[in-house]
Protein backbone atom coordinates (compact mmCIF):
# COMPACT_ATOMS: atom_id res chain seq x y z
CA MET A 1 -4.86 16.39 2.21
CA SER A 2 -4.16 19.12 4.69
CA PRO A 3 -1.63 18.54 7.45
CA THR A 4 -4.43 18.23 9.93
CA GLU A 5 -6.19 15.54 7.86
CA LEU A 6 -2.87 13.57 7.54
CA TRP A 7 -2.30 13.69 11.32
CA ARG A 8 -5.91 12.51 11.98
CA PHE A 9 -5.36 9.59 9.60
CA LEU A 10 -2.03 8.54 11.13
CA PRO A 11 -3.25 6.46 14.04
CA LEU A 12 -5.90 4.71 11.93
CA GLY A 13 -3.52 3.92 9.12
CA TYR A 14 -0.76 2.81 11.53
CA LEU A 15 -3.09 0.42 13.40
CA LEU A 16 -4.38 -0.95 9.98
CA THR A 17 -0.82 -1.43 8.71
CA ILE A 18 0.42 -3.24 11.79
CA ALA A 19 -2.66 -5.44 11.80
CA ILE A 20 -1.78 -6.57 8.34
CA GLU A 21 2.11 -6.65 8.65
CA ILE A 22 2.60 -8.24 12.12
CA PRO A 23 1.00 -11.65 11.28
CA ILE A 24 3.12 -11.82 7.98
CA LEU A 25 6.24 -11.00 9.95
CA PHE A 26 5.33 -13.22 12.71
CA PHE A 27 4.91 -16.23 10.42
CA GLY A 28 7.37 -15.27 7.69
CA LEU A 29 10.56 -14.03 9.40
CA SER A 30 13.31 -16.68 9.82
CA ALA A 31 12.65 -19.11 12.64
CA HIS A 32 15.72 -18.11 14.50
CA HIS A 33 14.15 -14.76 15.38
CA SER A 34 12.13 -15.10 18.56
CA LYS A 35 8.40 -14.77 18.46
CA LEU A 36 8.70 -11.47 20.50
CA ARG A 37 11.19 -10.11 18.14
CA ARG A 38 8.94 -10.85 15.23
CA VAL A 39 6.03 -9.04 16.95
CA VAL A 40 8.15 -6.15 18.07
CA ALA A 41 9.53 -5.83 14.56
CA GLY A 42 5.98 -5.20 13.17
CA PHE A 43 5.35 -2.46 15.61
CA TRP A 44 8.84 -0.95 15.39
CA LEU A 45 9.47 -0.98 11.66
CA THR A 46 6.06 0.48 10.80
CA ALA A 47 6.54 3.09 13.54
CA CYS A 48 9.74 4.15 11.93
CA THR A 49 8.67 4.52 8.42
CA TYR A 50 4.93 5.16 8.59
CA PRO A 51 4.99 8.76 9.72
CA ILE A 52 7.31 9.57 6.92
CA VAL A 53 5.09 7.99 4.31
CA THR A 54 1.94 9.39 5.88
CA LEU A 55 2.97 12.96 6.96
CA VAL A 56 6.23 13.91 5.24
CA LEU A 57 6.06 12.48 1.77
CA PRO A 58 2.56 13.72 0.92
CA LEU A 59 3.57 17.30 1.80
CA LEU A 60 6.94 17.08 0.21
CA LEU A 61 5.50 15.67 -3.01
CA VAL A 62 2.28 17.70 -2.96
CA ASN A 63 2.82 18.97 -6.54
CA GLY A 64 3.66 15.57 -8.01
CA SER A 65 1.21 12.92 -9.17
CA ARG A 66 -0.28 10.26 -6.99
CA ALA A 67 1.66 7.65 -8.99
CA PHE A 68 4.88 9.45 -8.27
CA TYR A 69 4.01 9.61 -4.51
CA LEU A 70 3.20 6.02 -4.43
CA LEU A 71 6.41 5.03 -6.26
CA VAL A 72 8.57 6.96 -3.69
CA ALA A 73 6.53 5.95 -0.61
CA GLU A 74 6.19 2.40 -1.47
CA THR A 75 9.90 2.00 -2.40
CA PHE A 76 11.09 4.03 0.61
CA ALA A 77 9.11 1.99 3.33
CA PRO A 78 10.44 -1.51 2.52
CA VAL A 79 13.96 -0.37 1.68
CA ALA A 80 14.17 1.60 5.00
CA GLU A 81 12.55 -1.21 7.04
CA CYS A 82 15.03 -3.81 5.59
CA ALA A 83 17.88 -1.37 6.37
CA LEU A 84 16.67 -0.88 9.95
CA PHE A 85 16.22 -4.64 10.47
CA TRP A 86 19.64 -5.34 9.21
CA LEU A 87 21.15 -2.60 11.41
CA ALA A 88 19.36 -3.90 14.52
CA PHE A 89 19.97 -7.53 14.03
CA GLY A 90 23.00 -7.83 11.71
CA ARG A 91 24.31 -11.32 11.26
CA ALA A 92 20.98 -12.73 12.30
CA VAL A 93 19.22 -11.43 9.30
CA ARG A 94 18.58 -13.74 6.35
CA TRP A 95 17.72 -12.83 2.68
CA ARG A 96 14.34 -14.38 3.52
CA ASP A 97 13.60 -11.78 6.24
CA PHE A 98 14.15 -9.01 3.62
CA GLY A 99 11.70 -10.64 1.33
CA VAL A 100 9.15 -11.10 4.18
CA ILE A 101 9.51 -7.39 5.03
CA VAL A 102 8.82 -6.39 1.32
CA VAL A 103 5.76 -8.80 1.17
CA ALA A 104 4.33 -7.38 4.39
CA ASN A 105 4.63 -3.82 2.82
CA ILE A 106 2.95 -4.83 -0.35
CA ALA A 107 0.17 -6.51 1.48
CA SER A 108 -0.58 -3.53 3.75
CA PHE A 109 -0.41 -1.14 0.64
CA LEU A 110 -2.89 -3.35 -1.30
CA VAL A 111 -5.33 -3.56 1.57
CA GLY A 112 -5.05 0.28 2.17
CA GLU A 113 -5.77 0.83 -1.43
CA VAL A 114 -8.83 -1.34 -1.39
CA ILE A 115 -10.19 0.15 1.84
CA PHE A 116 -9.24 3.90 1.16
């Protein structure tokens, strides 16, 4: 894809991703996180990683295989989001939260693969 096509896809992909991930985070993150924090986390974490997955990595890995891109992108996103969540909320983060973030990323990836 060209950079222009990637930029065109970004808003649609972001909206689809948060539509899938926010409910998973809302119901899955530890109960001691407020409802607002759970929703904001869905918007915020994806906003931090999605541009890299959608705009940067495809251009950086343009000569690599799709499988290699997926390996890098789908490893980067949940690891980065877990790190951001931990940096933002520190002691309030539980292992469960990391697992839920990973599950949300897997779910949005799978739905994206089916749709696109």
